[in-house]
Every structure is written in C-alpha cells, then in structure tokens.
PDB file of N, CA and C in Angstrom:
ATOM      1  N   UNK A   1      -1.001 -12.797   4.939  1.00  0.00           N
ATOM      2  CA  UNK A   1      -2.160 -11.945   4.790  1.00  0.00           C
ATOM      3  C   UNK A   1      -1.947 -10.657   5.589  1.00  0.00           C
ATOM      4  N   UNK A   2      -2.231  -9.560   4.954  1.00  0.00           N
ATOM      5  CA  UNK A   2      -2.054  -8.255   5.599  1.00  0.00           C
ATOM      6  C   UNK A   2      -3.323  -7.795   6.300  1.00  0.00           C
ATOM      7  N   UNK A   3      -3.129  -7.007   7.327  1.00  0.00           N
ATOM      8  CA  UNK A   3      -4.224  -6.299   7.973  1.00  0.00           C
ATOM      9  C   UNK A   3      -4.026  -4.804   7.702  1.00  0.00           C
ATOM     10  N   UNK A   4      -5.038  -4.012   7.971  1.00  0.00           N
ATOM     11  CA  UNK A   4      -4.983  -2.588   7.637  1.00  0.00           C
ATOM     12  C   UNK A   4      -3.793  -1.879   8.274  1.00  0.00           C
ATOM     13  N   UNK A   5      -3.516  -2.168   9.520  1.00  0.00           N
ATOM     14  CA  UNK A   5      -2.394  -1.525  10.212  1.00  0.00           C
ATOM     15  C   UNK A   5      -1.087  -1.803   9.468  1.00  0.00           C
ATOM     16  N   UNK A   6      -0.890  -3.033   9.041  1.00  0.00           N
ATOM     17  CA  UNK A   6       0.328  -3.395   8.318  1.00  0.00           C
ATOM     18  C   UNK A   6       0.402  -2.691   6.964  1.00  0.00           C
ATOM     19  N   UNK A   7      -0.722  -2.616   6.277  1.00  0.00           N
ATOM     20  CA  UNK A   7      -0.764  -1.943   4.980  1.00  0.00           C
ATOM     21  C   UNK A   7      -0.382  -0.475   5.126  1.00  0.00           C
ATOM     22  N   UNK A   8      -0.910   0.179   6.121  1.00  0.00           N
ATOM     23  CA  UNK A   8      -0.599   1.588   6.358  1.00  0.00           C
ATOM     24  C   UNK A   8       0.882   1.758   6.685  1.00  0.00           C
ATOM     25  N   UNK A   9       1.434   0.863   7.491  1.00  0.00           N
ATOM     26  CA  UNK A   9       2.864   0.935   7.813  1.00  0.00           C
ATOM     27  C   UNK A   9       3.718   0.754   6.560  1.00  0.00           C
ATOM     28  N   UNK A  10       3.320  -0.149   5.680  1.00  0.00           N
ATOM     29  CA  UNK A  10       4.046  -0.369   4.426  1.00  0.00           C
ATOM     30  C   UNK A  10       4.020   0.892   3.569  1.00  0.00           C
ATOM     31  N   UNK A  11       2.854   1.517   3.471  1.00  0.00           N
ATOM     32  CA  UNK A  11       2.721   2.735   2.667  1.00  0.00           C
ATOM     33  C   UNK A  11       3.559   3.862   3.269  1.00  0.00           C
ATOM     34  N   UNK A  12       3.516   3.997   4.599  1.00  0.00           N
ATOM     35  CA  UNK A  12       4.328   5.029   5.249  1.00  0.00           C
ATOM     36  C   UNK A  12       5.815   4.810   4.985  1.00  0.00           C
ATOM     37  N   UNK A  13       6.271   3.578   5.085  1.00  0.00           N
ATOM     38  CA  UNK A  13       7.692   3.286   4.824  1.00  0.00           C
ATOM     39  C   UNK A  13       8.034   3.547   3.360  1.00  0.00           C
ATOM     40  N   UNK A  14       7.179   3.111   2.451  1.00  0.00           N
ATOM     41  CA  UNK A  14       7.446   3.277   1.023  1.00  0.00           C
ATOM     42  C   UNK A  14       7.529   4.747   0.633  1.00  0.00           C
ATOM     43  N   UNK A  15       6.699   5.577   1.247  1.00  0.00           N
ATOM     44  CA  UNK A  15       6.678   7.006   0.929  1.00  0.00           C
ATOM     45  C   UNK A  15       7.568   7.821   1.862  1.00  0.00           C
ATOM     46  N   UNK A  16       8.291   7.110   2.735  1.00  0.00           N
ATOM     47  CA  UNK A  16       9.201   7.737   3.698  1.00  0.00           C
ATOM     48  C   UNK A  16       8.483   8.761   4.580  1.00  0.00           C
ATOM     49  N   UNK A  17       7.327   8.366   5.070  1.00  0.00           N
ATOM     50  CA  UNK A  17       6.539   9.217   5.965  1.00  0.00           C
ATOM     51  C   UNK A  17       6.832   8.846   7.414  1.00  0.00           C
ATOM     52  N   UNK A  18       6.643   9.797   8.282  1.00  0.00           N
ATOM     53  CA  UNK A  18       6.789   9.540   9.701  1.00  0.00           C
ATOM     54  C   UNK A  18       5.676   8.576  10.135  1.00  0.00           C
ATOM     55  N   UNK A  19       6.034   7.600  10.964  1.00  0.00           N
ATOM     56  CA  UNK A  19       5.052   6.624  11.432  1.00  0.00           C
ATOM     57  C   UNK A  19       3.877   7.352  12.098  1.00  0.00           C
ATOM     58  N   UNK A  20       2.673   6.953  11.721  1.00  0.00           N
ATOM     59  CA  UNK A  20       1.470   7.564  12.281  1.00  0.00           C
ATOM     60  C   UNK A  20       0.912   8.708  11.440  1.00  0.00           C
ATOM     61  N   UNK A  21       1.601   9.079  10.390  1.00  0.00           N
ATOM     62  CA  UNK A  21       1.141  10.191   9.545  1.00  0.00           C
ATOM     63  C   UNK A  21      -0.215   9.893   8.926  1.00  0.00           C
ATOM     64  N   UNK A  22      -0.366   8.705   8.392  1.00  0.00           N
ATOM     65  CA  UNK A  22      -1.619   8.367   7.720  1.00  0.00           C
ATOM     66  C   UNK A  22      -2.751   8.211   8.717  1.00  0.00           C
ATOM     67  N   UNK A  23      -2.502   7.613   9.838  1.00  0.00           N
ATOM     68  CA  UNK A  23      -3.529   7.398  10.856  1.00  0.00           C
ATOM     69  C   UNK A  23      -3.992   8.717  11.466  1.00  0.00           C
ATOM     70  N   UNK A  24      -3.067   9.651  11.610  1.00  0.00           N
ATOM     71  CA  UNK A  24      -3.404  10.914  12.270  1.00  0.00           C
ATOM     72  C   UNK A  24      -4.320  11.792  11.429  1.00  0.00           C
ATOM     73  N   UNK A  25      -4.524  11.420  10.169  1.00  0.00           N
ATOM     74  CA  UNK A  25      -5.401  12.213   9.314  1.00  0.00           C
ATOM     75  C   UNK A  25      -4.694  13.340   8.596  1.00  0.00           C
ATOM     76  N   UNK A  26      -3.380  13.416   8.729  1.00  0.00           N
ATOM     77  CA  UNK A  26      -2.603  14.421   8.020  1.00  0.00           C
ATOM     78  C   UNK A  26      -2.648  14.118   6.537  1.00  0.00           C
ATOM     79  N   UNK A  27      -3.276  14.969   5.754  1.00  0.00           N
ATOM     80  CA  UNK A  27      -3.465  14.685   4.338  1.00  0.00           C
ATOM     81  C   UNK A  27      -2.343  15.217   3.456  1.00  0.00           C
ATOM     82  N   UNK A  28      -1.330  15.820   4.036  1.00  0.00           N
ATOM     83  CA  UNK A  28      -0.207  16.312   3.246  1.00  0.00           C
ATOM     84  C   UNK A  28       0.536  15.180   2.544  1.00  0.00           C
ATOM     85  N   UNK A  29       0.462  13.995   3.078  1.00  0.00           N
ATOM     86  CA  UNK A  29       1.181  12.860   2.494  1.00  0.00           C
ATOM     87  C   UNK A  29       0.632  12.477   1.123  1.00  0.00           C
ATOM     88  N   UNK A  30      -0.598  12.806   0.808  1.00  0.00           N
ATOM     89  CA  UNK A  30      -1.179  12.459  -0.498  1.00  0.00           C
ATOM     90  C   UNK A  30      -0.348  12.989  -1.668  1.00  0.00           C
ATOM     91  N   UNK A  31       0.276  14.130  -1.483  1.00  0.00           N
ATOM     92  CA  UNK A  31       1.086  14.698  -2.559  1.00  0.00           C
ATOM     93  C   UNK A  31       2.319  13.854  -2.874  1.00  0.00           C
ATOM     94  N   UNK A  32       2.708  12.987  -1.956  1.00  0.00           N
ATOM     95  CA  UNK A  32       3.866  12.116  -2.177  1.00  0.00           C
ATOM     96  C   UNK A  32       3.494  10.848  -2.936  1.00  0.00           C
ATOM     97  N   UNK A  33       2.202  10.608  -3.117  1.00  0.00           N
ATOM     98  CA  UNK A  33       1.746   9.414  -3.808  1.00  0.00           C
ATOM     99  C   UNK A  33       1.718   9.698  -5.316  1.00  0.00           C
ATOM    100  N   UNK A  34       2.896   9.871  -5.869  1.00  0.00           N
ATOM    101  CA  UNK A  34       3.019  10.053  -7.307  1.00  0.00           C
ATOM    102  C   UNK A  34       3.406   8.711  -7.925  1.00  0.00           C
ATOM    103  N   UNK A  35       3.805   8.709  -9.182  1.00  0.00           N
ATOM    104  CA  UNK A  35       4.110   7.430  -9.842  1.00  0.00           C
ATOM    105  C   UNK A  35       5.309   6.728  -9.207  1.00  0.00           C
ATOM    106  N   UNK A  36       6.306   7.486  -8.785  1.00  0.00           N
ATOM    107  CA  UNK A  36       7.454   6.882  -8.115  1.00  0.00           C
ATOM    108  C   UNK A  36       7.063   6.344  -6.739  1.00  0.00           C
ATOM    109  N   UNK A  37       6.246   7.090  -6.032  1.00  0.00           N
ATOM    110  CA  UNK A  37       5.744   6.629  -4.738  1.00  0.00           C
ATOM    111  C   UNK A  37       4.911   5.371  -4.882  1.00  0.00           C
ATOM    112  N   UNK A  38       4.104   5.328  -5.920  1.00  0.00           N
ATOM    113  CA  UNK A  38       3.264   4.157  -6.161  1.00  0.00           C
ATOM    114  C   UNK A  38       4.130   2.924  -6.438  1.00  0.00           C
ATOM    115  N   UNK A  39       5.165   3.118  -7.219  1.00  0.00           N
ATOM    116  CA  UNK A  39       6.090   2.021  -7.504  1.00  0.00           C
ATOM    117  C   UNK A  39       6.753   1.536  -6.217  1.00  0.00           C
ATOM    118  N   UNK A  40       7.132   2.453  -5.354  1.00  0.00           N
ATOM    119  CA  UNK A  40       7.731   2.088  -4.066  1.00  0.00           C
ATOM    120  C   UNK A  40       6.761   1.281  -3.208  1.00  0.00           C
ATOM    121  N   UNK A  41       5.498   1.680  -3.214  1.00  0.00           N
ATOM    122  CA  UNK A  41       4.473   0.948  -2.453  1.00  0.00           C
ATOM    123  C   UNK A  41       4.342  -0.466  -2.998  1.00  0.00           C
ATOM    124  N   UNK A  42       4.279  -0.603  -4.312  1.00  0.00           N
ATOM    125  CA  UNK A  42       4.128  -1.926  -4.924  1.00  0.00           C
ATOM    126  C   UNK A  42       5.329  -2.823  -4.636  1.00  0.00           C
ATOM    127  N   UNK A  43       6.517  -2.254  -4.669  1.00  0.00           N
ATOM    128  CA  UNK A  43       7.726  -3.035  -4.370  1.00  0.00           C
ATOM    129  C   UNK A  43       7.699  -3.520  -2.925  1.00  0.00           C
ATOM    130  N   UNK A  44       7.352  -2.629  -1.993  1.00  0.00           N
ATOM    131  CA  UNK A  44       7.288  -3.007  -0.569  1.00  0.00           C
ATOM    132  C   UNK A  44       6.223  -4.077  -0.343  1.00  0.00           C
ATOM    133  N   UNK A  45       5.063  -3.912  -0.969  1.00  0.00           N
ATOM    134  CA  UNK A  45       4.008  -4.922  -0.833  1.00  0.00           C
ATOM    135  C   UNK A  45       4.491  -6.278  -1.340  1.00  0.00           C
ATOM    136  N   UNK A  46       5.154  -6.271  -2.467  1.00  0.00           N
ATOM    137  CA  UNK A  46       5.647  -7.513  -3.050  1.00  0.00           C
ATOM    138  C   UNK A  46       6.686  -8.164  -2.143  1.00  0.00           C
ATOM    139  N   UNK A  47       7.522  -7.362  -1.515  1.00  0.00           N
ATOM    140  CA  UNK A  47       8.518  -7.901  -0.591  1.00  0.00           C
ATOM    141  C   UNK A  47       7.855  -8.532   0.623  1.00  0.00           C
ATOM    142  N   UNK A  48       6.913  -7.817   1.201  1.00  0.00           N
ATOM    143  CA  UNK A  48       6.243  -8.300   2.410  1.00  0.00           C
ATOM    144  C   UNK A  48       5.404  -9.545   2.124  1.00  0.00           C
ATOM    145  N   UNK A  49       4.808  -9.610   0.950  1.00  0.00           N
ATOM    146  CA  UNK A  49       3.930 -10.725   0.605  1.00  0.00           C
ATOM    147  C   UNK A  49       4.641 -11.782  -0.248  1.00  0.00           C
ATOM    148  N   UNK A  50       5.949 -11.851  -0.107  1.00  0.00           N
ATOM    149  CA  UNK A  50       6.757 -12.907  -0.734  1.00  0.00           C
ATOM    150  C   UNK A  50       6.540 -13.046  -2.238  1.00  0.00           C
ATOM    151  N   UNK A  51       6.497 -11.933  -2.931  1.00  0.00           N
ATOM    152  CA  UNK A  51       6.401 -11.954  -4.385  1.00  0.00           C
ATOM    153  C   UNK A  51       5.022 -12.219  -4.953  1.00  0.00           C
ATOM    154  N   UNK A  52       4.022 -12.245  -4.102  1.00  0.00           N
ATOM    155  CA  UNK A  52       2.662 -12.554  -4.561  1.00  0.00           C
ATOM    156  C   UNK A  52       1.975 -11.381  -5.258  1.00  0.00           C
ATOM    157  N   UNK A  53       2.544 -10.192  -5.168  1.00  0.00           N
ATOM    158  CA  UNK A  53       1.909  -9.010  -5.769  1.00  0.00           C
ATOM    159  C   UNK A  53       2.382  -8.732  -7.187  1.00  0.00           C
ATOM    160  N   UNK A  54       3.512  -9.255  -7.550  1.00  0.00           N
ATOM    161  CA  UNK A  54       4.104  -8.894  -8.835  1.00  0.00           C
ATOM    162  C   UNK A  54       3.252  -9.294 -10.033  1.00  0.00           C
ATOM    163  N   UNK A  55       2.384 -10.259  -9.884  1.00  0.00           N
ATOM    164  CA  UNK A  55       1.537 -10.701 -10.993  1.00  0.00           C
ATOM    165  C   UNK A  55       0.103 -10.182 -10.915  1.00  0.00           C
ATOM    166  N   UNK A  56      -0.165  -9.297  -9.969  1.00  0.00           N
ATOM    167  CA  UNK A  56      -1.518  -8.745  -9.826  1.00  0.00           C
ATOM    168  C   UNK A  56      -1.572  -7.411 -10.560  1.00  0.00           C
ATOM    169  N   UNK A  57      -2.039  -7.439 -11.791  1.00  0.00           N
ATOM    170  CA  UNK A  57      -2.045  -6.245 -12.650  1.00  0.00           C
ATOM    171  C   UNK A  57      -2.909  -5.120 -12.095  1.00  0.00           C
ATOM    172  N   UNK A  58      -3.972  -5.464 -11.385  1.00  0.00           N
ATOM    173  CA  UNK A  58      -4.891  -4.450 -10.851  1.00  0.00           C
ATOM    174  C   UNK A  58      -4.202  -3.515  -9.864  1.00  0.00           C
ATOM    175  N   UNK A  59      -3.137  -3.982  -9.218  1.00  0.00           N
ATOM    176  CA  UNK A  59      -2.441  -3.138  -8.247  1.00  0.00           C
ATOM    177  C   UNK A  59      -1.806  -1.913  -8.897  1.00  0.00           C
ATOM    178  N   UNK A  60      -1.460  -2.018 -10.158  1.00  0.00           N
ATOM    179  CA  UNK A  60      -0.850  -0.870 -10.826  1.00  0.00           C
ATOM    180  C   UNK A  60      -1.828   0.293 -10.974  1.00  0.00           C
ATOM    181  N   UNK A  61      -3.118  -0.002 -10.931  1.00  0.00           N
ATOM    182  CA  UNK A  61      -4.147   1.035 -11.055  1.00  0.00           C
ATOM    183  C   UNK A  61      -4.766   1.424  -9.713  1.00  0.00           C
ATOM    184  N   UNK A  62      -4.361   0.735  -8.652  1.00  0.00           N
ATOM    185  CA  UNK A  62      -4.905   0.993  -7.317  1.00  0.00           C
ATOM    186  C   UNK A  62      -4.123   2.142  -6.692  1.00  0.00           C
ATOM    187  N   UNK A  63      -4.703   3.331  -6.726  1.00  0.00           N
ATOM    188  CA  UNK A  63      -3.987   4.520  -6.276  1.00  0.00           C
ATOM    189  C   UNK A  63      -4.559   5.136  -5.000  1.00  0.00           C
ATOM    190  N   UNK A  64      -5.127   4.305  -4.169  1.00  0.00           N
ATOM    191  CA  UNK A  64      -5.582   4.747  -2.858  1.00  0.00           C
ATOM    192  C   UNK A  64      -5.485   3.559  -1.907  1.00  0.00           C
ATOM    193  N   UNK A  65      -5.510   3.845  -0.634  1.00  0.00           N
ATOM    194  CA  UNK A  65      -5.447   2.757   0.344  1.00  0.00           C
ATOM    195  C   UNK A  65      -6.636   1.826   0.170  1.00  0.00           C
ATOM    196  N   UNK A  66      -7.818   2.387  -0.003  1.00  0.00           N
ATOM    197  CA  UNK A  66      -9.009   1.543  -0.132  1.00  0.00           C
ATOM    198  C   UNK A  66      -8.962   0.679  -1.390  1.00  0.00           C
ATOM    199  N   UNK A  67      -8.455   1.228  -2.492  1.00  0.00           N
ATOM    200  CA  UNK A  67      -8.395   0.419  -3.713  1.00  0.00           C
ATOM    201  C   UNK A  67      -7.339  -0.675  -3.606  1.00  0.00           C
ATOM    202  N   UNK A  68      -6.228  -0.392  -2.937  1.00  0.00           N
ATOM    203  CA  UNK A  68      -5.225  -1.437  -2.707  1.00  0.00           C
ATOM    204  C   UNK A  68      -5.812  -2.533  -1.834  1.00  0.00           C
ATOM    205  N   UNK A  69      -6.544  -2.141  -0.793  1.00  0.00           N
ATOM    206  CA  UNK A  69      -7.179  -3.140   0.078  1.00  0.00           C
ATOM    207  C   UNK A  69      -8.110  -4.039  -0.718  1.00  0.00           C
ATOM    208  N   UNK A  70      -8.919  -3.462  -1.583  1.00  0.00           N
ATOM    209  CA  UNK A  70      -9.877  -4.250  -2.371  1.00  0.00           C
ATOM    210  C   UNK A  70      -9.173  -5.243  -3.294  1.00  0.00           C
ATOM    211  N   UNK A  71      -8.104  -4.788  -3.943  1.00  0.00           N
ATOM    212  CA  UNK A  71      -7.362  -5.682  -4.842  1.00  0.00           C
ATOM    213  C   UNK A  71      -6.719  -6.811  -4.033  1.00  0.00           C
ATOM    214  N   UNK A  72      -6.133  -6.465  -2.901  1.00  0.00           N
ATOM    215  CA  UNK A  72      -5.514  -7.498  -2.070  1.00  0.00           C
ATOM    216  C   UNK A  72      -6.558  -8.470  -1.525  1.00  0.00           C
ATOM    217  N   UNK A  73      -7.725  -7.949  -1.138  1.00  0.00           N
ATOM    218  CA  UNK A  73      -8.818  -8.821  -0.666  1.00  0.00           C
ATOM    219  C   UNK A  73      -9.241  -9.798  -1.749  1.00  0.00           C
ATOM    220  N   UNK A  74      -9.411  -9.313  -2.948  1.00  0.00           N
ATOM    221  CA  UNK A  74      -9.878 -10.175  -4.043  1.00  0.00           C
ATOM    222  C   UNK A  74      -8.844 -11.238  -4.421  1.00  0.00           C
ATOM    223  N   UNK A  75      -7.611 -11.048  -3.956  1.00  0.00           N
ATOM    224  CA  UNK A  75      -6.558 -12.028  -4.206  1.00  0.00           C
ATOM    225  C   UNK A  75      -6.160 -12.763  -2.928  1.00  0.00           C
ATOM    226  N   UNK A  76      -7.023 -12.691  -1.930  1.00  0.00           N
ATOM    227  CA  UNK A  76      -6.820 -13.385  -0.642  1.00  0.00           C
ATOM    228  C   UNK A  76      -5.505 -13.023   0.035  1.00  0.00           C
ATOM    229  N   UNK A  77      -5.153 -11.736  -0.019  1.00  0.00           N
ATOM    230  CA  UNK A  77      -3.924 -11.265   0.613  1.00  0.00           C
ATOM    231  C   UNK A  77      -4.182 -10.218   1.677  1.00  0.00           C
ATOM    232  N   UNK A  78      -5.459  -9.908   1.918  1.00  0.00           N
ATOM    233  CA  UNK A  78      -5.832  -8.890   2.914  1.00  0.00           C
ATOM    234  C   UNK A  78      -6.903  -9.456   3.818  1.00  0.00           C
ATOM    235  N   UNK A  79      -6.706  -9.208   5.092  1.00  0.00           N
ATOM    236  CA  UNK A  79      -7.663  -9.683   6.113  1.00  0.00           C
ATOM    237  C   UNK A  79      -8.355  -8.490   6.741  1.00  0.00           C
ATOM    238  N   UNK A  80      -9.679  -8.513   6.734  1.00  0.00           N
ATOM    239  CA  UNK A  80     -10.465  -7.434   7.382  1.00  0.00           C
ATOM    240  C   UNK A  80     -10.345  -7.502   8.876  1.00  0.00           C
TER     241      UNK A  80
END
C-alpha cells in the first residue's frame, strides 16, 4: 500500500524530476506529464505495487496526483 510521499517520489522518478520538485510547489513539472510521462508513471507504479496496477483500467485516465490517489484508494492500494 502506498502513501502520498511514496506516490510523489514515484512520479518524480518516472518524470525524471529532481527530488522535492512536486512538494516544493514548482509547477513547471506539469508540462512533463504528457502521454509518455504518464506511461512512465504507470510502469513505475506497477513495478512498486508488484503488478497490481496493470489491470486497473481507470489508471490510464488518471492524469493528476489526486486522480491517481483516488483510483489507487478504490483498489485498496493507497493509504491515507
């Protein structure tokens, strides 16, 4: 089960952002969240969660941190 800090670290690694970029409020990273970036995020999530994400179709449409959190919560993979 992921927590928010872990999710943010996964997204930063997937988008090749400097650690702390998302937390610091720097919004320049949003431009890197394109279709290739989204695919990278999904692959990293699937790796970290032992393949449990590959069958969650809703994740393909989750294009924000909050929407990814909601999808993971509804599949018992995210802890508040």
